[in-house]
Amino acid sequence: MASGLFSNVSPWHIPAMFIGTAFTLGGLLPLRAPDRAMREYGLPEGIVRSEPAQLAFGIYGTRVAAYGVALWTFYLRGEYHVVDTLMSLLLLWGAADCWICIKAGVPRTAAWRFVSSVMIGGYGYLGLTAKGSL
C-alpha cells in the first residue's frame, strides 16, 4: 500500500497534475527566454521582437507559475474540489487567449487555445479530479 503525499493518486488526477506541472515550469520560461515563450504561445514575430511585450510576457509567466503552484498546493492537500474550481476558471483564460490571438492575427493559435481551455475547464467544471477521490 502506498503512503505519503501521493497515496491517493487516481488516473482522474492526471490532468490536474499535468496542468499544474506545465503551468509551474512553463510559467518560468518567460523569465529566462521571453522571445521563445512568446513563440511557443503562438504570437507573431513582430510582437515577439518587442521588448515591452517581452517584459509584459515575463509578468504573465510568473502569474501562470503561481497558478501552477496553487494547483499543486491544493492537490497535495487533497482539496480536489478546489483544484477542479481552479481548472474550471481556465475557460476564462482560453476566451481571453482566443480574443488576443485573433487580434494578433494568429487564428489557428486562437482556436487551439480556446478548444484546449474548454477541455481543461470542462474537466474542472465537471469535478472530475474530485471524482477520482471518491
Protein backbone atom coordinates (compact mmCIF):
# COMPACT_ATOMS: atom_id res chain seq x y z
CA MET A 1 0.00 0.00 0.00
CA ALA A 2 1.35 3.43 -0.96
CA SER A 3 1.79 6.10 1.65
CA GLY A 4 2.76 9.74 1.70
CA LEU A 5 1.78 12.65 -0.49
CA PHE A 6 0.84 10.54 -3.49
CA SER A 7 -1.01 7.75 -1.68
CA ASN A 8 -4.39 8.79 -3.10
CA VAL A 9 -3.35 9.25 -6.73
CA SER A 10 -6.01 8.24 -9.21
CA PRO A 11 -5.99 8.27 -13.02
CA TRP A 12 -8.62 11.02 -12.67
CA HIS A 13 -5.90 13.23 -11.16
CA ILE A 14 -3.51 13.03 -14.12
CA PRO A 15 -4.90 16.07 -16.00
CA ALA A 16 -4.65 18.26 -12.89
CA MET A 17 -1.10 17.09 -12.15
CA PHE A 18 -0.11 17.65 -15.78
CA ILE A 19 -1.60 21.18 -15.90
CA GLY A 20 -0.09 22.05 -12.51
CA THR A 21 3.35 20.93 -13.66
CA ALA A 22 3.07 22.56 -17.10
CA PHE A 23 1.99 25.87 -15.57
CA THR A 24 4.61 25.81 -12.81
CA LEU A 25 7.53 25.02 -15.09
CA GLY A 26 6.25 26.61 -18.30
CA GLY A 27 5.38 29.81 -16.48
CA LEU A 28 9.03 30.29 -15.63
CA LEU A 29 10.20 30.21 -19.27
CA PRO A 30 9.28 33.87 -19.99
CA LEU A 31 11.68 34.96 -17.25
CA ARG A 32 14.62 33.27 -18.94
CA ALA A 33 13.68 33.37 -22.63
CA PRO A 34 10.66 35.61 -23.22
CA ASP A 35 11.01 35.52 -27.00
CA ARG A 36 10.98 31.72 -27.03
CA ALA A 37 7.99 31.63 -24.68
CA MET A 38 6.10 34.07 -26.90
CA ARG A 39 6.82 31.95 -29.98
CA GLU A 40 5.61 28.82 -28.17
CA TYR A 41 2.49 30.72 -27.16
CA GLY A 42 1.94 31.36 -30.85
CA LEU A 43 2.39 35.11 -31.14
CA PRO A 44 3.55 36.69 -34.41
CA GLU A 45 7.23 37.56 -34.81
CA GLY A 46 6.57 41.32 -34.76
CA ILE A 47 5.20 41.06 -31.23
CA VAL A 48 7.89 38.58 -30.17
CA ARG A 49 10.64 41.10 -31.04
CA SER A 50 9.04 43.87 -28.96
CA GLU A 51 10.99 44.44 -25.74
CA PRO A 52 7.98 45.92 -23.88
CA ALA A 53 5.91 42.89 -24.93
CA GLN A 54 8.65 40.58 -23.66
CA LEU A 55 8.65 42.33 -20.28
CA ALA A 56 4.87 42.04 -20.03
CA PHE A 57 5.05 38.39 -21.00
CA GLY A 58 7.52 37.81 -18.16
CA ILE A 59 4.96 39.20 -15.72
CA TYR A 60 2.31 36.96 -17.26
CA GLY A 61 4.60 33.95 -16.88
CA THR A 62 5.14 34.47 -13.16
CA ARG A 63 1.39 34.54 -12.64
CA VAL A 64 0.97 31.32 -14.62
CA ALA A 65 3.70 29.70 -12.50
CA ALA A 66 1.95 30.86 -9.32
CA TYR A 67 -1.31 29.34 -10.61
CA GLY A 68 0.53 26.05 -11.17
CA VAL A 69 1.91 26.16 -7.63
CA ALA A 70 -1.63 26.79 -6.36
CA LEU A 71 -2.91 23.76 -8.29
CA TRP A 72 -0.19 21.58 -6.78
CA THR A 73 -0.68 23.02 -3.28
CA PHE A 74 -4.39 22.21 -3.23
CA TYR A 75 -3.80 18.87 -4.92
CA LEU A 76 -1.25 17.78 -2.31
CA ARG A 77 -3.60 18.91 0.47
CA GLY A 78 -6.26 16.64 -1.01
CA GLU A 79 -8.59 19.56 -1.75
CA TYR A 80 -9.56 18.23 -5.15
CA HIS A 81 -12.71 20.35 -5.37
CA VAL A 82 -10.51 23.46 -5.22
CA VAL A 83 -8.26 22.02 -7.94
CA ASP A 84 -11.36 21.49 -10.08
CA THR A 85 -12.50 25.07 -9.43
CA LEU A 86 -9.11 26.44 -10.45
CA MET A 87 -9.14 24.31 -13.58
CA SER A 88 -12.67 25.42 -14.47
CA LEU A 89 -11.53 29.05 -14.38
CA LEU A 90 -9.12 28.30 -17.22
CA LEU A 91 -12.10 28.62 -19.55
CA LEU A 92 -11.86 32.38 -18.98
CA TRP A 93 -8.15 32.29 -19.79
CA GLY A 94 -8.94 30.49 -23.03
CA ALA A 95 -11.55 33.04 -24.03
CA ALA A 96 -9.05 35.85 -23.39
CA ASP A 97 -6.29 33.98 -25.23
CA CYS A 98 -8.63 33.43 -28.17
CA TRP A 99 -9.53 37.11 -28.37
CA ILE A 100 -5.92 38.28 -28.09
CA CYS A 101 -4.65 35.77 -30.66
CA ILE A 102 -7.37 36.74 -33.13
CA LYS A 103 -6.43 40.41 -32.70
CA ALA A 104 -2.75 39.46 -33.19
CA GLY A 105 -3.58 37.70 -36.45
CA VAL A 106 -2.98 34.09 -35.40
CA PRO A 107 -6.43 32.46 -35.68
CA ARG A 108 -5.15 28.87 -35.57
CA THR A 109 -3.43 29.55 -32.26
CA ALA A 110 -6.63 31.23 -31.08
CA ALA A 111 -8.68 28.17 -31.93
CA TRP A 112 -6.25 25.75 -30.27
CA ARG A 113 -6.03 27.81 -27.09
CA PHE A 114 -9.80 28.15 -26.84
CA VAL A 115 -10.55 24.48 -27.53
CA SER A 116 -7.93 23.27 -25.06
CA SER A 117 -9.25 25.63 -22.39
CA VAL A 118 -12.78 24.32 -22.95
CA MET A 119 -11.49 20.78 -22.45
CA ILE A 120 -9.49 21.62 -19.31
CA GLY A 121 -12.11 23.99 -17.93
CA GLY A 122 -14.84 21.46 -18.61
CA TYR A 123 -12.87 18.77 -16.79
CA GLY A 124 -12.68 21.03 -13.76
CA TYR A 125 -16.28 22.22 -14.03
CA LEU A 126 -17.49 18.62 -14.05
CA GLY A 127 -15.44 17.95 -10.90
CA LEU A 128 -13.57 15.05 -12.44
CA THR A 129 -10.44 15.46 -10.29
CA ALA A 130 -12.57 15.19 -7.15
CA LYS A 131 -14.35 12.21 -8.70
CA GLY A 132 -11.09 10.30 -8.50
CA SER A 133 -11.03 10.65 -4.71
CA LEU A 134 -14.43 9.07 -4.08
